[in-house]
Amino acid sequence: MALILKAIGGIAALILLVITLLGSIITLGGFLLVAIKFLIVVIFLAVVTMIAFSILRDRSRKRREVDDL
């Protein structure tokens, strides 16, 4: 009888351990998805800023060329 209870207890412990590990993996996956989304937004903002900076620099350069003539 004690052997059966130990076996059931061991199986239950393994099942609970697997459930806990799966929960941790899901949490880690969620964190990684949020980090990737944040990185995408930061890269997008950097690209938009570089484009705006490039446009303003080009306008400034054209104004100098017109003033030099």
C-alpha atoms as a PDB file:
ATOM      1  CA  MET A   1       0.000   0.000   0.000  1.00  0.00           C
ATOM      2  CA  ALA A   2       2.814   2.390   0.889  1.00  0.00           C
ATOM      3  CA  LEU A   3       4.555   1.606  -2.399  1.00  0.00           C
ATOM      4  CA  ILE A   4       1.420   2.541  -4.376  1.00  0.00           C
ATOM      5  CA  LEU A   5       1.095   5.820  -2.468  1.00  0.00           C
ATOM      6  CA  LYS A   6       4.766   6.633  -3.144  1.00  0.00           C
ATOM      7  CA  ALA A   7       4.314   5.902  -6.854  1.00  0.00           C
ATOM      8  CA  ILE A   8       1.186   8.065  -7.047  1.00  0.00           C
ATOM      9  CA  GLY A   9       2.952  10.813  -5.112  1.00  0.00           C
ATOM     10  CA  GLY A  10       5.946  10.650  -7.447  1.00  0.00           C
ATOM     11  CA  ILE A  11       3.763  10.812 -10.545  1.00  0.00           C
ATOM     12  CA  ALA A  12       1.783  13.712  -9.099  1.00  0.00           C
ATOM     13  CA  ALA A  13       5.015  15.543  -8.272  1.00  0.00           C
ATOM     14  CA  LEU A  14       6.290  15.044 -11.823  1.00  0.00           C
ATOM     15  CA  ILE A  15       3.012  16.300 -13.299  1.00  0.00           C
ATOM     16  CA  LEU A  16       3.062  19.393 -11.086  1.00  0.00           C
ATOM     17  CA  LEU A  17       6.716  20.009 -11.978  1.00  0.00           C
ATOM     18  CA  VAL A  18       5.931  19.822 -15.701  1.00  0.00           C
ATOM     19  CA  ILE A  19       2.983  22.208 -15.262  1.00  0.00           C
ATOM     20  CA  THR A  20       5.180  24.669 -13.365  1.00  0.00           C
ATOM     21  CA  LEU A  21       7.928  24.495 -15.983  1.00  0.00           C
ATOM     22  CA  LEU A  22       5.429  25.007 -18.808  1.00  0.00           C
ATOM     23  CA  GLY A  23       4.043  28.041 -16.993  1.00  0.00           C
ATOM     24  CA  SER A  24       7.545  29.458 -16.680  1.00  0.00           C
ATOM     25  CA  ILE A  25       8.240  28.854 -20.368  1.00  0.00           C
ATOM     26  CA  ILE A  26       4.986  30.589 -21.326  1.00  0.00           C
ATOM     27  CA  THR A  27       5.890  33.537 -19.103  1.00  0.00           C
ATOM     28  CA  LEU A  28       9.361  33.735 -20.657  1.00  0.00           C
ATOM     29  CA  GLY A  29       7.840  33.561 -24.132  1.00  0.00           C
ATOM     30  CA  GLY A  30       5.476  36.404 -23.291  1.00  0.00           C
ATOM     31  CA  PHE A  31       8.352  38.506 -21.992  1.00  0.00           C
ATOM     32  CA  LEU A  32      10.387  37.829 -25.130  1.00  0.00           C
ATOM     33  CA  LEU A  33       7.448  38.795 -27.350  1.00  0.00           C
ATOM     34  CA  VAL A  34       7.060  42.088 -25.483  1.00  0.00           C
ATOM     35  CA  ALA A  35      10.797  42.734 -25.761  1.00  0.00           C
ATOM     36  CA  ILE A  36      10.738  42.050 -29.510  1.00  0.00           C
ATOM     37  CA  LYS A  37       7.732  44.357 -30.005  1.00  0.00           C
ATOM     38  CA  PHE A  38       9.477  47.100 -28.031  1.00  0.00           C
ATOM     39  CA  LEU A  39      12.625  46.640 -30.124  1.00  0.00           C
ATOM     40  CA  ILE A  40      10.593  46.889 -33.340  1.00  0.00           C
ATOM     41  CA  VAL A  41       9.014  50.154 -32.168  1.00  0.00           C
ATOM     42  CA  VAL A  42      12.415  51.602 -31.196  1.00  0.00           C
ATOM     43  CA  ILE A  43      13.914  50.653 -34.568  1.00  0.00           C
ATOM     44  CA  PHE A  44      10.912  52.155 -36.383  1.00  0.00           C
ATOM     45  CA  LEU A  45      11.260  55.423 -34.478  1.00  0.00           C
ATOM     46  CA  ALA A  46      14.990  55.522 -35.215  1.00  0.00           C
ATOM     47  CA  VAL A  47      14.360  55.026 -38.941  1.00  0.00           C
ATOM     48  CA  VAL A  48      11.670  57.733 -39.027  1.00  0.00           C
ATOM     49  CA  THR A  49      13.987  60.110 -37.148  1.00  0.00           C
ATOM     50  CA  MET A  50      16.843  59.411 -39.582  1.00  0.00           C
ATOM     51  CA  ILE A  51      14.544  60.060 -42.551  1.00  0.00           C
ATOM     52  CA  ALA A  52      13.326  63.343 -41.062  1.00  0.00           C
ATOM     53  CA  PHE A  53      16.902  64.385 -40.294  1.00  0.00           C
ATOM     54  CA  SER A  54      17.948  63.527 -43.839  1.00  0.00           C
ATOM     55  CA  ILE A  55      15.087  65.567 -45.334  1.00  0.00           C
ATOM     56  CA  LEU A  56      15.923  68.596 -43.179  1.00  0.00           C
ATOM     57  CA  ARG A  57      19.623  68.344 -44.025  1.00  0.00           C
ATOM     58  CA  ASP A  58      18.828  68.136 -47.744  1.00  0.00           C
ATOM     59  CA  ARG A  59      16.604  71.224 -47.535  1.00  0.00           C
ATOM     60  CA  SER A  60      19.336  73.104 -45.699  1.00  0.00           C
ATOM     61  CA  ARG A  61      21.893  72.091 -48.323  1.00  0.00           C
ATOM     62  CA  LYS A  62      19.598  73.259 -51.153  1.00  0.00           C
ATOM     63  CA  ARG A  63      19.082  76.611 -49.429  1.00  0.00           C
ATOM     64  CA  ARG A  64      22.853  77.100 -49.190  1.00  0.00           C
ATOM     65  CA  GLU A  65      23.262  76.265 -52.875  1.00  0.00           C
ATOM     66  CA  VAL A  66      20.566  78.819 -53.801  1.00  0.00           C
ATOM     67  CA  ASP A  67      22.175  81.448 -51.547  1.00  0.00           C
ATOM     68  CA  ASP A  68      25.620  80.790 -53.049  1.00  0.00           C
ATOM     69  CA  LEU A  69      24.371  81.393 -56.563  1.00  0.00           C
END
